[in-house]
Amino acid sequence: MSADEVPDDDALADFADSVLSLARKLALRGRDREEVVPLTGTEIEVIREVHRAPRTTPTQIAAVTGLRRSNVSVAIRVLESRGLLTRETPPGDGRSVELVPTDFAAENVVRIRALWVARLREAPESLLAECASAVDAIVKLDEHLTRTH
């Protein structure tokens, strides 16, 4: 299929299935989880957003992730208790809360990324190069779906 051709529904469904399958294979399990703070899926979504956009708010996280605001609040309490984020009040606005990742959270992200890289390095270099060339398109797709859902 050329870059100009529109994929059919089956090709798009196969793409989504492949992304989900790859995500499951990259999920931390077993000994990998011993190297990082164990988190639920919701907690992972929340900390990823805080890491990507420091000083974001719980409402913004709920909007971007599609999670319920109450679930975001529970995840924030857990992440805060584990030392992964802090709540800060922006100057001049005593009612708002912004979320800031801690240094410990940054260290955890570095460990997670290293575990992903180690797992991916098991694949042939030519395949990794091909996959890396698709990153921009996948990021743009992720951003588009975030804006439209």
Foldseek 3Di string as FASTA:
>chain_A
DDPPDDDDPVVVVVVVVVVVVVVVVLDDDDPLCVLAPDDDPLLVLLLVVCVVPPQAFLVVSCLQVVNDSVSSVVSVVVCVVVQQWDWDDDPPGPVTTTIHGDVSNVVRVVSSVVSSVVVVVVDDPVVVVVVVVCVVVVVVVSVVVSVVD
